[in-house]
C-alpha atoms as a PDB file:
ATOM      1  CA  GLY A   1     -21.743 -37.866  24.247  1.00  0.00           C
ATOM      2  CA  PRO A   2     -22.551 -34.541  22.234  1.00  0.00           C
ATOM      3  CA  LEU A   3     -24.493 -34.708  18.892  1.00  0.00           C
ATOM      4  CA  TRP A   4     -22.851 -33.908  15.616  1.00  0.00           C
ATOM      5  CA  PRO A   5     -23.517 -30.114  14.546  1.00  0.00           C
ATOM      6  CA  PRO A   6     -26.668 -29.725  11.810  1.00  0.00           C
ATOM      7  CA  PRO A   7     -25.181 -28.981   8.385  1.00  0.00           C
ATOM      8  CA  PRO A   8     -25.016 -25.582   7.293  1.00  0.00           C
ATOM      9  CA  PRO A   9     -28.180 -23.810   5.888  1.00  0.00           C
ATOM     10  CA  SER A  10     -28.025 -24.015   1.844  1.00  0.00           C
ATOM     11  CA  THR A  11     -28.927 -20.318   1.565  1.00  0.00           C
ATOM     12  CA  VAL A  12     -28.416 -17.035   3.805  1.00  0.00           C
ATOM     13  CA  ALA A  13     -31.760 -15.633   4.833  1.00  0.00           C
ATOM     14  CA  GLY A  14     -30.865 -12.021   4.296  1.00  0.00           C
ATOM     15  CA  PRO A  15     -33.587  -8.887   4.679  1.00  0.00           C
ATOM     16  CA  GLY A  16     -36.833  -8.446   3.449  1.00  0.00           C
ATOM     17  CA  GLY A  17     -38.869  -5.243   1.927  1.00  0.00           C
ATOM     18  CA  PRO A  18     -38.328  -3.056  -1.203  1.00  0.00           C
ATOM     19  CA  ILE A  19     -34.891  -2.966  -2.951  1.00  0.00           C
ATOM     20  CA  ALA A  20     -34.037   0.950  -3.289  1.00  0.00           C
ATOM     21  CA  THR A  21     -32.362   1.632  -6.631  1.00  0.00           C
ATOM     22  CA  GLY A  22     -30.683   5.008  -7.473  1.00  0.00           C
ATOM     23  CA  VAL A  23     -29.383   4.942  -3.746  1.00  0.00           C
ATOM     24  CA  ASP A  24     -25.714   5.591  -2.933  1.00  0.00           C
ATOM     25  CA  THR A  25     -25.847   5.954   1.023  1.00  0.00           C
ATOM     26  CA  VAL A  26     -27.197   3.741   3.437  1.00  0.00           C
ATOM     27  CA  LYS A  27     -27.878   5.168   6.885  1.00  0.00           C
ATOM     28  CA  MET A  28     -27.611   3.430  10.530  1.00  0.00           C
ATOM     29  CA  GLY A  29     -29.939   4.438  13.294  1.00  0.00           C
ATOM     30  CA  ASP A  30     -31.775   6.345  10.768  1.00  0.00           C
ATOM     31  CA  ARG A  31     -35.611   7.330  11.175  1.00  0.00           C
ATOM     32  CA  ASN A  32     -35.383   6.805  14.932  1.00  0.00           C
ATOM     33  CA  VAL A  33     -34.506   3.255  14.791  1.00  0.00           C
ATOM     34  CA  GLU A  34     -31.432   2.679  16.237  1.00  0.00           C
ATOM     35  CA  TYR A  35     -30.729  -0.845  15.489  1.00  0.00           C
ATOM     36  CA  SER A  36     -31.703  -0.844  11.501  1.00  0.00           C
ATOM     37  CA  TYR A  37     -29.937   0.351   8.114  1.00  0.00           C
ATOM     38  CA  PHE A  38     -31.932   2.513   5.763  1.00  0.00           C
ATOM     39  CA  PRO A  39     -32.534   1.243   3.138  1.00  0.00           C
ATOM     40  CA  SER A  40     -31.576  -2.353   4.189  1.00  0.00           C
ATOM     41  CA  ARG A  41     -31.393  -3.619   0.359  1.00  0.00           C
ATOM     42  CA  ILE A  42     -30.031  -1.443  -2.465  1.00  0.00           C
ATOM     43  CA  ARG A  43     -29.572  -2.161  -6.197  1.00  0.00           C
ATOM     44  CA  VAL A  44     -26.081  -0.613  -7.695  1.00  0.00           C
ATOM     45  CA  LYS A  45     -24.414  -1.086 -10.979  1.00  0.00           C
ATOM     46  CA  VAL A  46     -20.963  -2.461 -10.892  1.00  0.00           C
ATOM     47  CA  GLY A  47     -18.427   0.258  -9.906  1.00  0.00           C
ATOM     48  CA  SER A  48     -20.853   2.086  -7.718  1.00  0.00           C
ATOM     49  CA  THR A  49     -19.598   3.529  -4.367  1.00  0.00           C
ATOM     50  CA  VAL A  50     -21.967   3.233  -1.282  1.00  0.00           C
ATOM     51  CA  THR A  51     -21.355   5.459   1.672  1.00  0.00           C
ATOM     52  CA  PHE A  52     -22.351   4.043   4.858  1.00  0.00           C
ATOM     53  CA  THR A  53     -23.188   6.908   7.514  1.00  0.00           C
ATOM     54  CA  ASN A  54     -24.241   6.502  11.132  1.00  0.00           C
ATOM     55  CA  VAL A  55     -26.807   9.008  12.100  1.00  0.00           C
ATOM     56  CA  GLY A  56     -27.575   6.662  15.158  1.00  0.00           C
ATOM     57  CA  ASP A  57     -26.498   7.499  18.745  1.00  0.00           C
ATOM     58  CA  LEU A  58     -24.440   4.164  19.205  1.00  0.00           C
ATOM     59  CA  ASN A  59     -21.250   3.008  17.488  1.00  0.00           C
ATOM     60  CA  HIS A  60     -22.275   0.692  14.248  1.00  0.00           C
ATOM     61  CA  THR A  61     -20.417  -1.042  11.595  1.00  0.00           C
ATOM     62  CA  ALA A  62     -21.468  -2.187   7.644  1.00  0.00           C
ATOM     63  CA  THR A  63     -19.231  -5.656   7.716  1.00  0.00           C
ATOM     64  CA  ALA A  64     -19.699  -8.460   5.092  1.00  0.00           C
ATOM     65  CA  MET A  65     -21.068 -11.397   6.309  1.00  0.00           C
ATOM     66  CA  GLU A  66     -19.701 -14.339   4.107  1.00  0.00           C
ATOM     67  CA  LYS A  67     -15.754 -13.550   3.535  1.00  0.00           C
ATOM     68  CA  ARG A  68     -15.530 -10.393   5.787  1.00  0.00           C
ATOM     69  CA  ASP A  69     -13.742  -8.627   2.559  1.00  0.00           C
ATOM     70  CA  TRP A  70     -15.081  -5.042   3.293  1.00  0.00           C
ATOM     71  CA  ASP A  71     -15.568  -3.450   6.539  1.00  0.00           C
ATOM     72  CA  THR A  72     -16.644   0.203   7.584  1.00  0.00           C
ATOM     73  CA  GLY A  73     -14.804  -0.403  10.796  1.00  0.00           C
ATOM     74  CA  ASP A  74     -16.477   1.219  13.921  1.00  0.00           C
ATOM     75  CA  LEU A  75     -18.408   4.493  12.991  1.00  0.00           C
ATOM     76  CA  ALA A  76     -19.110   6.784  15.552  1.00  0.00           C
ATOM     77  CA  LYS A  77     -22.489   9.371  15.078  1.00  0.00           C
ATOM     78  CA  GLY A  78     -21.527  10.940  12.202  1.00  0.00           C
ATOM     79  CA  GLY A  79     -18.662   8.933  10.519  1.00  0.00           C
ATOM     80  CA  SER A  80     -19.051   7.446   7.404  1.00  0.00           C
ATOM     81  CA  LYS A  81     -17.180   4.876   5.102  1.00  0.00           C
ATOM     82  CA  ALA A  82     -17.373   4.559   1.297  1.00  0.00           C
ATOM     83  CA  ILE A  83     -17.078   1.122   0.019  1.00  0.00           C
ATOM     84  CA  THR A  84     -16.928   0.144  -3.932  1.00  0.00           C
ATOM     85  CA  PHE A  85     -18.440  -2.615  -5.424  1.00  0.00           C
ATOM     86  CA  THR A  86     -16.707  -3.827  -8.415  1.00  0.00           C
ATOM     87  CA  GLN A  87     -17.802  -7.595  -8.849  1.00  0.00           C
ATOM     88  CA  PRO A  88     -21.289  -8.343  -9.400  1.00  0.00           C
ATOM     89  CA  GLY A  89     -23.295 -10.384  -6.649  1.00  0.00           C
ATOM     90  CA  ASN A  90     -25.517 -10.505  -3.520  1.00  0.00           C
ATOM     91  CA  TYR A  91     -23.495  -8.475  -0.656  1.00  0.00           C
ATOM     92  CA  TYR A  92     -25.227  -9.208   2.702  1.00  0.00           C
ATOM     93  CA  PHE A  93     -23.771  -7.317   5.481  1.00  0.00           C
ATOM     94  CA  ILE A  94     -24.256  -7.019   9.474  1.00  0.00           C
ATOM     95  CA  CYS A  95     -23.332  -4.351  12.365  1.00  0.00           C
ATOM     96  CA  THR A  96     -20.501  -6.227  14.033  1.00  0.00           C
ATOM     97  CA  PRO A  97     -21.792  -4.994  17.734  1.00  0.00           C
ATOM     98  CA  HIS A  98     -25.555  -5.453  17.115  1.00  0.00           C
ATOM     99  CA  PRO A  99     -25.538  -8.573  14.354  1.00  0.00           C
ATOM    100  CA  TRP A 100     -29.436  -8.328  14.263  1.00  0.00           C
ATOM    101  CA  MET A 101     -28.684  -5.596  12.263  1.00  0.00           C
ATOM    102  CA  TYR A 102     -28.734  -6.624   8.427  1.00  0.00           C
ATOM    103  CA  GLY A 103     -28.532  -5.260   5.194  1.00  0.00           C
ATOM    104  CA  GLN A 104     -28.029  -6.129   1.395  1.00  0.00           C
ATOM    105  CA  VAL A 105     -26.608  -4.361  -1.642  1.00  0.00           C
ATOM    106  CA  ILE A 106     -26.977  -6.093  -4.884  1.00  0.00           C
ATOM    107  CA  VAL A 107     -24.768  -5.368  -7.571  1.00  0.00           C
ATOM    108  CA  GLU A 108     -25.522  -5.642 -11.435  1.00  0.00           C
END
């Protein structure tokens, strides 16, 4: 018969690289890289509003990974959606149609 599934990982592996501060806009498909967020990691203060803007050619989303409690919805080229972060924490997000795209908002 089938084996039991493995236990879930104890932590979420997120994006690497530098953390941008003083930024309130995340672009999807920027810098000629269709399947990316730029910057992919940002740090903001509690109560900050972050605008996700699609500058790529394909439709993209920014969707909270764990509880899926926030989502930009499907954004066509030129579309934007603002999300306000009212609680401190690490917020990982993906593009629903392209789940290999991921990013992080650190709220302090």
